[in-house]
């Protein structure tokens, strides 16, 4: 029987390079998702505040036709 996967050149590359890069990319993805979630929540809060204000335009100030 031949060498185990981790003992081969491809296996060594996989465990020493590919897996650490995969973990790093997953961490970056998680950070980006957290940032996106925060931005969505912030915009939702702003939208809710604007809805509560219910600005109304007074039609008496407009010229009549």
PDB file of N, CA and C in Angstrom:
ATOM      1  N   UNK A   1       0.850  -1.180   0.000  1.00  0.00           N
ATOM      2  CA  UNK A   1       0.000   0.000   0.000  1.00  0.00           C
ATOM      3  C   UNK A   1       0.898   1.247   0.000  1.00  0.00           C
ATOM      4  N   UNK A   2       0.475   2.285  -0.717  1.00  0.00           N
ATOM      5  CA  UNK A   2       1.278   3.495  -0.875  1.00  0.00           C
ATOM      6  C   UNK A   2       1.158   4.427   0.325  1.00  0.00           C
ATOM      7  N   UNK A   3       1.733   5.608   0.198  1.00  0.00           N
ATOM      8  CA  UNK A   3       1.703   6.589   1.291  1.00  0.00           C
ATOM      9  C   UNK A   3       0.283   7.132   1.505  1.00  0.00           C
ATOM     10  N   UNK A   4       0.046   7.582   2.710  1.00  0.00           N
ATOM     11  CA  UNK A   4      -1.230   8.229   3.024  1.00  0.00           C
ATOM     12  C   UNK A   4      -1.314   9.562   2.272  1.00  0.00           C
ATOM     13  N   UNK A   5      -2.526  10.063   2.114  1.00  0.00           N
ATOM     14  CA  UNK A   5      -2.722  11.300   1.347  1.00  0.00           C
ATOM     15  C   UNK A   5      -1.880  12.444   1.902  1.00  0.00           C
ATOM     16  N   UNK A   6      -1.858  12.611   3.213  1.00  0.00           N
ATOM     17  CA  UNK A   6      -1.113  13.727   3.814  1.00  0.00           C
ATOM     18  C   UNK A   6       0.384  13.589   3.602  1.00  0.00           C
ATOM     19  N   UNK A   7       0.836  12.412   3.228  1.00  0.00           N
ATOM     20  CA  UNK A   7       2.261  12.187   2.995  1.00  0.00           C
ATOM     21  C   UNK A   7       2.673  12.476   1.552  1.00  0.00           C
ATOM     22  N   UNK A   8       1.714  12.712   0.675  1.00  0.00           N
ATOM     23  CA  UNK A   8       2.026  13.000  -0.726  1.00  0.00           C
ATOM     24  C   UNK A   8       2.220  14.496  -0.931  1.00  0.00           C
ATOM     25  N   UNK A   9       2.777  14.868  -2.070  1.00  0.00           N
ATOM     26  CA  UNK A   9       2.965  16.285  -2.394  1.00  0.00           C
ATOM     27  C   UNK A   9       1.627  17.008  -2.480  1.00  0.00           C
ATOM     28  N   UNK A  10       0.649  16.389  -3.128  1.00  0.00           N
ATOM     29  CA  UNK A  10      -0.672  17.000  -3.219  1.00  0.00           C
ATOM     30  C   UNK A  10      -1.330  17.119  -1.840  1.00  0.00           C
ATOM     31  N   UNK A  11      -1.180  16.102  -1.041  1.00  0.00           N
ATOM     32  CA  UNK A  11      -1.756  16.128   0.304  1.00  0.00           C
ATOM     33  C   UNK A  11      -1.133  17.212   1.159  1.00  0.00           C
ATOM     34  N   UNK A  12       0.175  17.338   1.064  1.00  0.00           N
ATOM     35  CA  UNK A  12       0.881  18.365   1.829  1.00  0.00           C
ATOM     36  C   UNK A  12       0.423  19.761   1.385  1.00  0.00           C
ATOM     37  N   UNK A  13       0.302  19.957   0.068  1.00  0.00           N
ATOM     38  CA  UNK A  13      -0.188  21.241  -0.448  1.00  0.00           C
ATOM     39  C   UNK A  13      -1.608  21.503   0.039  1.00  0.00           C
ATOM     40  N   UNK A  14      -2.440  20.469   0.018  1.00  0.00           N
ATOM     41  CA  UNK A  14      -3.828  20.603   0.462  1.00  0.00           C
ATOM     42  C   UNK A  14      -3.897  21.063   1.915  1.00  0.00           C
ATOM     43  N   UNK A  15      -3.155  20.410   2.790  1.00  0.00           N
ATOM     44  CA  UNK A  15      -3.226  20.730   4.216  1.00  0.00           C
ATOM     45  C   UNK A  15      -2.448  21.997   4.597  1.00  0.00           C
ATOM     46  N   UNK A  16      -1.381  22.310   3.871  1.00  0.00           N
ATOM     47  CA  UNK A  16      -0.565  23.462   4.228  1.00  0.00           C
ATOM     48  C   UNK A  16      -0.982  24.750   3.510  1.00  0.00           C
ATOM     49  N   UNK A  17      -1.644  24.632   2.372  1.00  0.00           N
ATOM     50  CA  UNK A  17      -2.012  25.831   1.612  1.00  0.00           C
ATOM     51  C   UNK A  17      -3.527  25.943   1.387  1.00  0.00           C
ATOM     52  N   UNK A  18      -4.096  24.907   0.795  1.00  0.00           N
ATOM     53  CA  UNK A  18      -5.500  24.973   0.397  1.00  0.00           C
ATOM     54  C   UNK A  18      -6.422  25.140   1.605  1.00  0.00           C
ATOM     55  N   UNK A  19      -6.267  24.320   2.610  1.00  0.00           N
ATOM     56  CA  UNK A  19      -7.145  24.404   3.788  1.00  0.00           C
ATOM     57  C   UNK A  19      -7.000  25.729   4.539  1.00  0.00           C
ATOM     58  N   UNK A  20      -5.792  26.228   4.804  1.00  0.00           N
ATOM     59  CA  UNK A  20      -5.686  27.539   5.459  1.00  0.00           C
ATOM     60  C   UNK A  20      -6.310  28.663   4.630  1.00  0.00           C
ATOM     61  N   UNK A  21      -6.146  28.618   3.307  1.00  0.00           N
ATOM     62  CA  UNK A  21      -6.754  29.648   2.452  1.00  0.00           C
ATOM     63  C   UNK A  21      -8.278  29.537   2.484  1.00  0.00           C
ATOM     64  N   UNK A  22      -8.793  28.321   2.518  1.00  0.00           N
ATOM     65  CA  UNK A  22     -10.229  28.118   2.595  1.00  0.00           C
ATOM     66  C   UNK A  22     -10.783  28.692   3.896  1.00  0.00           C
ATOM     67  N   UNK A  23     -10.105  28.444   4.985  1.00  0.00           N
ATOM     68  CA  UNK A  23     -10.537  28.983   6.275  1.00  0.00           C
ATOM     69  C   UNK A  23     -10.483  30.513   6.258  1.00  0.00           C
ATOM     70  N   UNK A  24      -9.434  31.077   5.681  1.00  0.00           N
ATOM     71  CA  UNK A  24      -9.310  32.535   5.594  1.00  0.00           C
ATOM     72  C   UNK A  24     -10.456  33.122   4.774  1.00  0.00           C
ATOM     73  N   UNK A  25     -10.778  32.505   3.652  1.00  0.00           N
ATOM     74  CA  UNK A  25     -11.870  32.990   2.806  1.00  0.00           C
ATOM     75  C   UNK A  25     -13.215  32.869   3.516  1.00  0.00           C
ATOM     76  N   UNK A  26     -13.412  31.815   4.286  1.00  0.00           N
ATOM     77  CA  UNK A  26     -14.645  31.681   5.058  1.00  0.00           C
ATOM     78  C   UNK A  26     -14.754  32.773   6.124  1.00  0.00           C
ATOM     79  N   UNK A  27     -13.635  33.114   6.750  1.00  0.00           N
ATOM     80  CA  UNK A  27     -13.630  34.199   7.734  1.00  0.00           C
ATOM     81  C   UNK A  27     -13.980  35.533   7.060  1.00  0.00           C
ATOM     82  N   UNK A  28     -13.404  35.797   5.890  1.00  0.00           N
ATOM     83  CA  UNK A  28     -13.717  37.024   5.154  1.00  0.00           C
ATOM     84  C   UNK A  28     -15.179  37.062   4.730  1.00  0.00           C
ATOM     85  N   UNK A  29     -15.697  35.932   4.287  1.00  0.00           N
ATOM     86  CA  UNK A  29     -17.101  35.854   3.907  1.00  0.00           C
ATOM     87  C   UNK A  29     -18.000  36.149   5.101  1.00  0.00           C
ATOM     88  N   UNK A  30     -17.658  35.601   6.241  1.00  0.00           N
ATOM     89  CA  UNK A  30     -18.436  35.843   7.455  1.00  0.00           C
ATOM     90  C   UNK A  30     -18.393  37.323   7.844  1.00  0.00           C
ATOM     91  N   UNK A  31     -17.224  37.942   7.752  1.00  0.00           N
ATOM     92  CA  UNK A  31     -17.116  39.374   8.054  1.00  0.00           C
ATOM     93  C   UNK A  31     -17.968  40.204   7.096  1.00  0.00           C
ATOM     94  N   UNK A  32     -17.933  39.852   5.817  1.00  0.00           N
ATOM     95  CA  UNK A  32     -18.733  40.575   4.828  1.00  0.00           C
ATOM     96  C   UNK A  32     -20.225  40.399   5.081  1.00  0.00           C
ATOM     97  N   UNK A  33     -20.634  39.207   5.452  1.00  0.00           N
ATOM     98  CA  UNK A  33     -22.043  38.978   5.768  1.00  0.00           C
ATOM     99  C   UNK A  33     -22.480  39.764   7.000  1.00  0.00           C
ATOM    100  N   UNK A  34     -21.611  39.861   7.985  1.00  0.00           N
ATOM    101  CA  UNK A  34     -21.940  40.642   9.177  1.00  0.00           C
ATOM    102  C   UNK A  34     -22.062  42.122   8.822  1.00  0.00           C
ATOM    103  N   UNK A  35     -21.161  42.630   7.988  1.00  0.00           N
ATOM    104  CA  UNK A  35     -21.233  44.024   7.554  1.00  0.00           C
ATOM    105  C   UNK A  35     -22.514  44.277   6.766  1.00  0.00           C
ATOM    106  N   UNK A  36     -22.836  43.380   5.861  1.00  0.00           N
ATOM    107  CA  UNK A  36     -24.050  43.516   5.064  1.00  0.00           C
ATOM    108  C   UNK A  36     -25.293  43.482   5.949  1.00  0.00           C
ATOM    109  N   UNK A  37     -25.314  42.592   6.922  1.00  0.00           N
ATOM    110  CA  UNK A  37     -26.437  42.511   7.857  1.00  0.00           C
ATOM    111  C   UNK A  37     -26.579  43.803   8.650  1.00  0.00           C
ATOM    112  N   UNK A  38     -25.466  44.357   9.104  1.00  0.00           N
ATOM    113  CA  UNK A  38     -25.506  45.627   9.839  1.00  0.00           C
ATOM    114  C   UNK A  38     -26.045  46.757   8.964  1.00  0.00           C
ATOM    115  N   UNK A  39     -25.613  46.806   7.708  1.00  0.00           N
ATOM    116  CA  UNK A  39     -26.094  47.847   6.798  1.00  0.00           C
ATOM    117  C   UNK A  39     -27.589  47.708   6.526  1.00  0.00           C
ATOM    118  N   UNK A  40     -28.035  46.498   6.333  1.00  0.00           N
ATOM    119  CA  UNK A  40     -29.469  46.263   6.099  1.00  0.00           C
ATOM    120  C   UNK A  40     -30.267  46.679   7.319  1.00  0.00           C
ATOM    121  N   UNK A  41     -29.796  46.310   8.501  1.00  0.00           N
ATOM    122  CA  UNK A  41     -30.499  46.676   9.730  1.00  0.00           C
ATOM    123  C   UNK A  41     -30.529  48.190   9.892  1.00  0.00           C
ATOM    124  N   UNK A  42     -29.422  48.852   9.615  1.00  0.00           N
ATOM    125  CA  UNK A  42     -29.350  50.312   9.718  1.00  0.00           C
ATOM    126  C   UNK A  42     -30.351  50.968   8.770  1.00  0.00           C
ATOM    127  N   UNK A  43     -30.382  50.499   7.527  1.00  0.00           N
ATOM    128  CA  UNK A  43     -31.316  51.062   6.556  1.00  0.00           C
ATOM    129  C   UNK A  43     -32.764  50.776   6.931  1.00  0.00           C
ATOM    130  N   UNK A  44     -33.023  49.620   7.502  1.00  0.00           N
ATOM    131  CA  UNK A  44     -34.377  49.292   7.963  1.00  0.00           C
ATOM    132  C   UNK A  44     -34.791  50.240   9.074  1.00  0.00           C
ATOM    133  N   UNK A  45     -33.878  50.519   9.988  1.00  0.00           N
ATOM    134  CA  UNK A  45     -34.169  51.456  11.077  1.00  0.00           C
ATOM    135  C   UNK A  45     -34.474  52.849  10.529  1.00  0.00           C
ATOM    136  N   UNK A  46     -33.696  53.292   9.547  1.00  0.00           N
ATOM    137  CA  UNK A  46     -33.926  54.605   8.938  1.00  0.00           C
ATOM    138  C   UNK A  46     -35.290  54.630   8.253  1.00  0.00           C
ATOM    139  N   UNK A  47     -35.620  53.576   7.507  1.00  0.00           N
ATOM    140  CA  UNK A  47     -36.912  53.511   6.821  1.00  0.00           C
ATOM    141  C   UNK A  47     -38.073  53.543   7.819  1.00  0.00           C
ATOM    142  N   UNK A  48     -37.936  52.822   8.917  1.00  0.00           N
ATOM    143  CA  UNK A  48     -38.987  52.812   9.932  1.00  0.00           C
ATOM    144  C   UNK A  48     -39.164  54.202  10.547  1.00  0.00           C
ATOM    145  N   UNK A  49     -38.053  54.886  10.783  1.00  0.00           N
ATOM    146  CA  UNK A  49     -38.121  56.232  11.353  1.00  0.00           C
ATOM    147  C   UNK A  49     -38.807  57.190  10.380  1.00  0.00           C
ATOM    148  N   UNK A  50     -38.503  57.076   9.124  1.00  0.00           N
ATOM    149  CA  UNK A  50     -39.145  57.935   8.120  1.00  0.00           C
ATOM    150  C   UNK A  50     -40.645  57.656   8.036  1.00  0.00           C
ATOM    151  N   UNK A  51     -41.018  56.408   8.140  1.00  0.00           N
ATOM    152  CA  UNK A  51     -42.444  56.072   8.114  1.00  0.00           C
ATOM    153  C   UNK A  51     -43.179  56.639   9.327  1.00  0.00           C
ATOM    154  N   UNK A  52     -42.501  56.676  10.449  1.00  0.00           N
ATOM    155  CA  UNK A  52     -43.120  57.219  11.665  1.00  0.00           C
ATOM    156  C   UNK A  52     -43.333  58.725  11.550  1.00  0.00           C
ATOM    157  N   UNK A  53     -42.468  59.400  10.797  1.00  0.00           N
ATOM    158  CA  UNK A  53     -42.574  60.853  10.665  1.00  0.00           C
ATOM    159  C   UNK A  53     -43.785  61.259   9.833  1.00  0.00           C
ATOM    160  N   UNK A  54     -44.169  60.469   8.869  1.00  0.00           N
ATOM    161  CA  UNK A  54     -45.339  60.710   8.030  1.00  0.00           C
ATOM    162  C   UNK A  54     -45.451  62.168   7.606  1.00  0.00           C
ATOM    163  N   UNK A  55     -44.538  62.617   6.838  1.00  0.00           N
ATOM    164  CA  UNK A  55     -44.564  63.993   6.353  1.00  0.00           C
ATOM    165  C   UNK A  55     -45.723  64.160   5.367  1.00  0.00           C
ATOM    166  N   UNK A  56     -46.438  65.239   5.527  1.00  0.00           N
ATOM    167  CA  UNK A  56     -47.595  65.510   4.674  1.00  0.00           C
ATOM    168  C   UNK A  56     -47.389  66.860   4.000  1.00  0.00           C
ATOM    169  N   UNK A  57     -47.655  66.922   2.732  1.00  0.00           N
ATOM    170  CA  UNK A  57     -47.529  68.166   2.000  1.00  0.00           C
ATOM    171  C   UNK A  57     -48.867  68.912   2.055  1.00  0.00           C
ATOM    172  N   UNK A  58     -48.817  70.159   2.375  1.00  0.00           N
ATOM    173  CA  UNK A  58     -50.030  70.962   2.490  1.00  0.00           C
ATOM    174  C   UNK A  58     -50.433  71.414   1.099  1.00  0.00           C
ATOM    175  N   UNK A  59     -51.650  71.066   0.693  1.00  0.00           N
ATOM    176  CA  UNK A  59     -52.113  71.385  -0.649  1.00  0.00           C
ATOM    177  C   UNK A  59     -52.580  72.838  -0.776  1.00  0.00           C
ATOM    178  N   UNK A  60     -52.876  73.507   0.322  1.00  0.00           N
ATOM    179  CA  UNK A  60     -53.306  74.895   0.277  1.00  0.00           C
ATOM    180  C   UNK A  60     -52.227  75.814  -0.273  1.00  0.00           C
ATOM    181  N   UNK A  61     -50.979  75.413  -0.166  1.00  0.00           N
ATOM    182  CA  UNK A  61     -49.873  76.249  -0.630  1.00  0.00           C
ATOM    183  C   UNK A  61     -49.673  76.161  -2.143  1.00  0.00           C
ATOM    184  N   UNK A  62     -50.344  75.226  -2.813  1.00  0.00           N
ATOM    185  CA  UNK A  62     -50.183  75.053  -4.250  1.00  0.00           C
ATOM    186  C   UNK A  62     -51.152  75.956  -5.003  1.00  0.00           C
ATOM    187  N   UNK A  63     -50.736  76.455  -6.143  1.00  0.00           N
ATOM    188  CA  UNK A  63     -51.657  77.293  -6.926  1.00  0.00           C
ATOM    189  C   UNK A  63     -52.826  76.444  -7.452  1.00  0.00           C
ATOM    190  N   UNK A  64     -53.986  77.024  -7.534  1.00  0.00           N
ATOM    191  CA  UNK A  64     -55.147  76.294  -8.046  1.00  0.00           C
ATOM    192  C   UNK A  64     -55.242  76.486  -9.547  1.00  0.00           C
ATOM    193  N   UNK A  65     -55.783  75.532 -10.217  1.00  0.00           N
ATOM    194  CA  UNK A  65     -55.904  75.579 -11.684  1.00  0.00           C
ATOM    195  C   UNK A  65     -57.325  75.798 -12.092  1.00  0.00           C
TER     196      UNK A  65
END
